[in-house]
Amino acid sequence: AAVAGAFAYVGTVDPNEPGHYPVCPLL
């Protein structure tokens, strides 16, 4: 249920659009 919820969120909120997720600190 937790993994499905996380995947559902990522599927809904597109990470290809900037501003939705933090940038990798190493990058």
PDB file of all heavy atoms in Angstrom:
ATOM      1  N   ALA A   1       0.829  -1.206   0.000  1.00  0.00           N
ATOM      2  CA  ALA A   1       0.000   0.000   0.000  1.00  0.00           C
ATOM      3  C   ALA A   1       0.863   1.256   0.000  1.00  0.00           C
ATOM      4  O   ALA A   1       0.573   2.221  -0.724  1.00  0.00           O
ATOM      5  CB  ALA A   1      -0.935  -0.014   1.209  1.00  0.00           C
ATOM      6  N   ALA A   2       1.946   1.250   0.775  1.00  0.00           N
ATOM      7  CA  ALA A   2       2.831   2.420   0.820  1.00  0.00           C
ATOM      8  C   ALA A   2       3.531   2.639  -0.519  1.00  0.00           C
ATOM      9  O   ALA A   2       3.601   3.773  -1.020  1.00  0.00           O
ATOM     10  CB  ALA A   2       3.866   2.246   1.938  1.00  0.00           C
ATOM     11  N   VAL A   3       4.035   1.547  -1.113  1.00  0.00           N
ATOM     12  CA  VAL A   3       4.717   1.665  -2.409  1.00  0.00           C
ATOM     13  C   VAL A   3       3.727   2.084  -3.492  1.00  0.00           C
ATOM     14  O   VAL A   3       4.043   2.934  -4.339  1.00  0.00           O
ATOM     15  CB  VAL A   3       5.433   0.336  -2.768  1.00  0.00           C
ATOM     16  CG1 VAL A   3       5.937   0.348  -4.188  1.00  0.00           C
ATOM     17  CG2 VAL A   3       6.576   0.084  -1.802  1.00  0.00           C
ATOM     18  N   ALA A   4       2.524   1.520  -3.460  1.00  0.00           N
ATOM     19  CA  ALA A   4       1.507   1.890  -4.457  1.00  0.00           C
ATOM     20  C   ALA A   4       1.120   3.363  -4.307  1.00  0.00           C
ATOM     21  O   ALA A   4       0.924   4.075  -5.305  1.00  0.00           O
ATOM     22  CB  ALA A   4       0.287   0.992  -4.322  1.00  0.00           C
ATOM     23  N   GLY A   5       1.017   3.840  -3.065  1.00  0.00           N
ATOM     24  CA  GLY A   5       0.703   5.248  -2.840  1.00  0.00           C
ATOM     25  C   GLY A   5       1.799   6.171  -3.376  1.00  0.00           C
ATOM     26  O   GLY A   5       1.520   7.196  -3.997  1.00  0.00           O
ATOM     27  N   ALA A   6       3.070   5.779  -3.127  1.00  0.00           N
ATOM     28  CA  ALA A   6       4.193   6.588  -3.630  1.00  0.00           C
ATOM     29  C   ALA A   6       4.210   6.598  -5.157  1.00  0.00           C
ATOM     30  O   ALA A   6       4.409   7.654  -5.775  1.00  0.00           O
ATOM     31  CB  ALA A   6       5.508   6.044  -3.077  1.00  0.00           C
ATOM     32  N   PHE A   7       3.995   5.430  -5.770  1.00  0.00           N
ATOM     33  CA  PHE A   7       3.972   5.368  -7.239  1.00  0.00           C
ATOM     34  C   PHE A   7       2.786   6.152  -7.802  1.00  0.00           C
ATOM     35  O   PHE A   7       2.907   6.781  -8.861  1.00  0.00           O
ATOM     36  CB  PHE A   7       3.938   3.913  -7.713  1.00  0.00           C
ATOM     37  CG  PHE A   7       5.289   3.332  -7.978  1.00  0.00           C
ATOM     38  CD1 PHE A   7       6.107   2.926  -6.939  1.00  0.00           C
ATOM     39  CD2 PHE A   7       5.767   3.199  -9.272  1.00  0.00           C
ATOM     40  CE1 PHE A   7       7.357   2.408  -7.171  1.00  0.00           C
ATOM     41  CE2 PHE A   7       7.023   2.673  -9.528  1.00  0.00           C
ATOM     42  CZ  PHE A   7       7.824   2.280  -8.466  1.00  0.00           C
ATOM     43  N   ALA A   8       1.656   6.109  -7.105  1.00  0.00           N
ATOM     44  CA  ALA A   8       0.491   6.863  -7.578  1.00  0.00           C
ATOM     45  C   ALA A   8       0.774   8.370  -7.534  1.00  0.00           C
ATOM     46  O   ALA A   8       0.404   9.109  -8.459  1.00  0.00           O
ATOM     47  CB  ALA A   8      -0.724   6.529  -6.732  1.00  0.00           C
ATOM     48  N   TYR A   9       1.460   8.812  -6.493  1.00  0.00           N
ATOM     49  CA  TYR A   9       1.800  10.234  -6.407  1.00  0.00           C
ATOM     50  C   TYR A   9       2.760  10.636  -7.519  1.00  0.00           C
ATOM     51  O   TYR A   9       2.564  11.656  -8.183  1.00  0.00           O
ATOM     52  CB  TYR A   9       2.409  10.541  -5.035  1.00  0.00           C
ATOM     53  CG  TYR A   9       2.778  11.991  -4.871  1.00  0.00           C
ATOM     54  CD1 TYR A   9       1.803  12.935  -4.561  1.00  0.00           C
ATOM     55  CD2 TYR A   9       4.083  12.422  -5.043  1.00  0.00           C
ATOM     56  CE1 TYR A   9       2.127  14.283  -4.422  1.00  0.00           C
ATOM     57  CE2 TYR A   9       4.421  13.753  -4.909  1.00  0.00           C
ATOM     58  CZ  TYR A   9       3.439  14.685  -4.594  1.00  0.00           C
ATOM     59  OH  TYR A   9       3.762  16.005  -4.468  1.00  0.00           O
ATOM     60  N   VAL A  10       3.814   9.806  -7.724  1.00  0.00           N
ATOM     61  CA  VAL A  10       4.784  10.115  -8.780  1.00  0.00           C
ATOM     62  C   VAL A  10       4.118  10.029 -10.150  1.00  0.00           C
ATOM     63  O   VAL A  10       4.456  10.796 -11.059  1.00  0.00           O
ATOM     64  CB  VAL A  10       6.008   9.178  -8.682  1.00  0.00           C
ATOM     65  CG1 VAL A  10       6.936   9.343  -9.870  1.00  0.00           C
ATOM     66  CG2 VAL A  10       6.765   9.439  -7.397  1.00  0.00           C
ATOM     67  N   GLY A  11       3.170   9.126 -10.310  1.00  0.00           N
ATOM     68  CA  GLY A  11       2.461   9.031 -11.585  1.00  0.00           C
ATOM     69  C   GLY A  11       1.570  10.221 -11.851  1.00  0.00           C
ATOM     70  O   GLY A  11       1.340  10.598 -13.004  1.00  0.00           O
ATOM     71  N   THR A  12       1.074  10.825 -10.779  1.00  0.00           N
ATOM     72  CA  THR A  12       0.188  11.982 -10.930  1.00  0.00           C
ATOM     73  C   THR A  12       0.971  13.286 -11.082  1.00  0.00           C
ATOM     74  O   THR A  12       0.637  14.128 -11.920  1.00  0.00           O
ATOM     75  CB  THR A  12      -0.746  12.092  -9.703  1.00  0.00           C
ATOM     76  OG1 THR A  12      -1.432  10.849  -9.553  1.00  0.00           O
ATOM     77  CG2 THR A  12      -1.752  13.199  -9.858  1.00  0.00           C
ATOM     78  N   VAL A  13       1.998  13.452 -10.258  1.00  0.00           N
ATOM     79  CA  VAL A  13       2.803  14.680 -10.276  1.00  0.00           C
ATOM     80  C   VAL A  13       4.053  14.398 -11.104  1.00  0.00           C
ATOM     81  O   VAL A  13       4.951  13.691 -10.677  1.00  0.00           O
ATOM     82  CB  VAL A  13       3.162  15.115  -8.842  1.00  0.00           C
ATOM     83  CG1 VAL A  13       3.977  16.393  -8.870  1.00  0.00           C
ATOM     84  CG2 VAL A  13       1.915  15.282  -7.997  1.00  0.00           C
ATOM     85  N   ASP A  14       4.118  14.942 -12.275  1.00  0.00           N
ATOM     86  CA  ASP A  14       5.178  14.651 -13.236  1.00  0.00           C
ATOM     87  C   ASP A  14       6.530  15.208 -12.779  1.00  0.00           C
ATOM     88  O   ASP A  14       6.677  16.423 -12.604  1.00  0.00           O
ATOM     89  CB  ASP A  14       4.802  15.253 -14.594  1.00  0.00           C
ATOM     90  CG  ASP A  14       5.717  14.793 -15.714  1.00  0.00           C
ATOM     91  OD1 ASP A  14       6.670  14.032 -15.441  1.00  0.00           O
ATOM     92  OD2 ASP A  14       5.467  15.193 -16.868  1.00  0.00           O
ATOM     93  N   PRO A  15       7.540  14.342 -12.584  1.00  0.00           N
ATOM     94  CA  PRO A  15       8.859  14.840 -12.182  1.00  0.00           C
ATOM     95  C   PRO A  15       9.618  15.510 -13.326  1.00  0.00           C
ATOM     96  O   PRO A  15      10.647  16.138 -13.083  1.00  0.00           O
ATOM     97  CB  PRO A  15       9.594  13.584 -11.709  1.00  0.00           C
ATOM     98  CG  PRO A  15       8.900  12.458 -12.354  1.00  0.00           C
ATOM     99  CD  PRO A  15       7.483  12.882 -12.593  1.00  0.00           C
ATOM    100  N   ASN A  16       9.133  15.393 -14.554  1.00  0.00           N
ATOM    101  CA  ASN A  16       9.785  16.064 -15.679  1.00  0.00           C
ATOM    102  C   ASN A  16       9.524  17.574 -15.662  1.00  0.00           C
ATOM    103  O   ASN A  16      10.232  18.330 -16.315  1.00  0.00           O
ATOM    104  CB  ASN A  16       9.305  15.469 -17.006  1.00  0.00           C
ATOM    105  CG  ASN A  16       9.772  14.032 -17.161  1.00  0.00           C
ATOM    106  OD1 ASN A  16      10.945  13.741 -17.023  1.00  0.00           O
ATOM    107  ND2 ASN A  16       8.837  13.128 -17.410  1.00  0.00           N
ATOM    108  N   GLU A  17       8.505  18.013 -14.951  1.00  0.00           N
ATOM    109  CA  GLU A  17       8.222  19.438 -14.803  1.00  0.00           C
ATOM    110  C   GLU A  17       8.976  19.953 -13.582  1.00  0.00           C
ATOM    111  O   GLU A  17       8.885  19.368 -12.502  1.00  0.00           O
ATOM    112  CB  GLU A  17       6.720  19.659 -14.628  1.00  0.00           C
ATOM    113  CG  GLU A  17       5.899  19.234 -15.825  1.00  0.00           C
ATOM    114  CD  GLU A  17       4.415  19.368 -15.580  1.00  0.00           C
ATOM    115  OE1 GLU A  17       4.029  19.952 -14.531  1.00  0.00           O
ATOM    116  OE2 GLU A  17       3.636  18.899 -16.424  1.00  0.00           O
ATOM    117  N   PRO A  18       9.740  21.016 -13.728  1.00  0.00           N
ATOM    118  CA  PRO A  18      10.547  21.500 -12.600  1.00  0.00           C
ATOM    119  C   PRO A  18       9.684  22.067 -11.471  1.00  0.00           C
ATOM    120  O   PRO A  18       8.573  22.546 -11.687  1.00  0.00           O
ATOM    121  CB  PRO A  18      11.424  22.591 -13.233  1.00  0.00           C
ATOM    122  CG  PRO A  18      10.729  22.990 -14.482  1.00  0.00           C
ATOM    123  CD  PRO A  18       9.919  21.807 -14.933  1.00  0.00           C
ATOM    124  N   GLY A  19      10.232  21.980 -10.266  1.00  0.00           N
ATOM    125  CA  GLY A  19       9.582  22.582  -9.104  1.00  0.00           C
ATOM    126  C   GLY A  19       8.762  21.631  -8.260  1.00  0.00           C
ATOM    127  O   GLY A  19       8.328  22.000  -7.170  1.00  0.00           O
ATOM    128  N   HIS A  20       8.516  20.416  -8.722  1.00  0.00           N
ATOM    129  CA  HIS A  20       7.684  19.503  -7.939  1.00  0.00           C
ATOM    130  C   HIS A  20       8.499  18.676  -6.942  1.00  0.00           C
ATOM    131  O   HIS A  20       7.983  18.278  -5.895  1.00  0.00           O
ATOM    132  CB  HIS A  20       6.917  18.540  -8.857  1.00  0.00           C
ATOM    133  CG  HIS A  20       5.888  19.214  -9.702  1.00  0.00           C
ATOM    134  ND1 HIS A  20       4.773  19.823  -9.183  1.00  0.00           N
ATOM    135  CD2 HIS A  20       5.821  19.397 -11.048  1.00  0.00           C
ATOM    136  CE1 HIS A  20       4.042  20.329 -10.156  1.00  0.00           C
ATOM    137  NE2 HIS A  20       4.660  20.086 -11.306  1.00  0.00           N
ATOM    138  N   TYR A  21       9.731  18.371  -7.253  1.00  0.00           N
ATOM    139  CA  TYR A  21      10.571  17.515  -6.416  1.00  0.00           C
ATOM    140  C   TYR A  21      11.920  18.191  -6.189  1.00  0.00           C
ATOM    141  O   TYR A  21      12.387  18.951  -7.034  1.00  0.00           O
ATOM    142  CB  TYR A  21      10.785  16.150  -7.091  1.00  0.00           C
ATOM    143  CG  TYR A  21       9.506  15.394  -7.347  1.00  0.00           C
ATOM    144  CD1 TYR A  21       8.873  15.433  -8.588  1.00  0.00           C
ATOM    145  CD2 TYR A  21       8.923  14.644  -6.335  1.00  0.00           C
ATOM    146  CE1 TYR A  21       7.705  14.746  -8.819  1.00  0.00           C
ATOM    147  CE2 TYR A  21       7.746  13.947  -6.565  1.00  0.00           C
ATOM    148  CZ  TYR A  21       7.143  13.999  -7.802  1.00  0.00           C
ATOM    149  OH  TYR A  21       5.976  13.319  -8.024  1.00  0.00           O
ATOM    150  N   PRO A  22      12.578  17.907  -5.066  1.00  0.00           N
ATOM    151  CA  PRO A  22      13.904  18.488  -4.843  1.00  0.00           C
ATOM    152  C   PRO A  22      14.940  17.883  -5.792  1.00  0.00           C
ATOM    153  O   PRO A  22      14.801  16.750  -6.242  1.00  0.00           O
ATOM    154  CB  PRO A  22      14.219  18.129  -3.388  1.00  0.00           C
ATOM    155  CG  PRO A  22      13.346  16.968  -3.073  1.00  0.00           C
ATOM    156  CD  PRO A  22      12.123  17.096  -3.924  1.00  0.00           C
ATOM    157  N   VAL A  23      15.976  18.660  -6.069  1.00  0.00           N
ATOM    158  CA  VAL A  23      17.054  18.205  -6.949  1.00  0.00           C
ATOM    159  C   VAL A  23      18.018  17.357  -6.125  1.00  0.00           C
ATOM    160  O   VAL A  23      18.217  17.604  -4.932  1.00  0.00           O
ATOM    161  CB  VAL A  23      17.785  19.430  -7.566  1.00  0.00           C
ATOM    162  CG1 VAL A  23      18.937  18.990  -8.442  1.00  0.00           C
ATOM    163  CG2 VAL A  23      16.812  20.285  -8.342  1.00  0.00           C
ATOM    164  N   CYS A  24      18.626  16.368  -6.755  1.00  0.00           N
ATOM    165  CA  CYS A  24      19.619  15.515  -6.090  1.00  0.00           C
ATOM    166  C   CYS A  24      20.752  16.395  -5.564  1.00  0.00           C
ATOM    167  O   CYS A  24      21.332  17.186  -6.321  1.00  0.00           O
ATOM    168  CB  CYS A  24      20.158  14.489  -7.083  1.00  0.00           C
ATOM    169  SG  CYS A  24      21.566  13.546  -6.458  1.00  0.00           S
ATOM    170  N   PRO A  25      21.101  16.300  -4.271  1.00  0.00           N
ATOM    171  CA  PRO A  25      22.157  17.158  -3.721  1.00  0.00           C
ATOM    172  C   PRO A  25      23.514  16.943  -4.395  1.00  0.00           C
ATOM    173  O   PRO A  25      24.254  17.903  -4.619  1.00  0.00           O
ATOM    174  CB  PRO A  25      22.221  16.784  -2.244  1.00  0.00           C
ATOM    175  CG  PRO A  25      21.048  15.949  -1.965  1.00  0.00           C
ATOM    176  CD  PRO A  25      20.491  15.472  -3.253  1.00  0.00           C
ATOM    177  N   LEU A  26      23.852  15.678  -4.717  1.00  0.00           N
ATOM    178  CA  LEU A  26      25.139  15.410  -5.372  1.00  0.00           C
ATOM    179  C   LEU A  26      25.181  16.065  -6.752  1.00  0.00           C
ATOM    180  O   LEU A  26      26.188  16.680  -7.130  1.00  0.00           O
ATOM    181  CB  LEU A  26      25.372  13.899  -5.488  1.00  0.00           C
ATOM    182  CG  LEU A  26      26.705  13.486  -6.095  1.00  0.00           C
ATOM    183  CD1 LEU A  26      27.852  13.873  -5.180  1.00  0.00           C
ATOM    184  CD2 LEU A  26      26.731  11.988  -6.367  1.00  0.00           C
ATOM    185  N   LEU A  27      24.084  15.975  -7.485  1.00  0.00           N
ATOM    186  CA  LEU A  27      24.018  16.594  -8.815  1.00  0.00           C
ATOM    187  C   LEU A  27      24.074  18.120  -8.707  1.00  0.00           C
ATOM    188  O   LEU A  27      24.751  18.787  -9.496  1.00  0.00           O
ATOM    189  CB  LEU A  27      22.743  16.144  -9.535  1.00  0.00           C
ATOM    190  CG  LEU A  27      22.514  16.713 -10.933  1.00  0.00           C
ATOM    191  CD1 LEU A  27      23.608  16.243 -11.883  1.00  0.00           C
ATOM    192  CD2 LEU A  27      21.146  16.309 -11.447  1.00  0.00           C
TER     193      LEU A  27
END
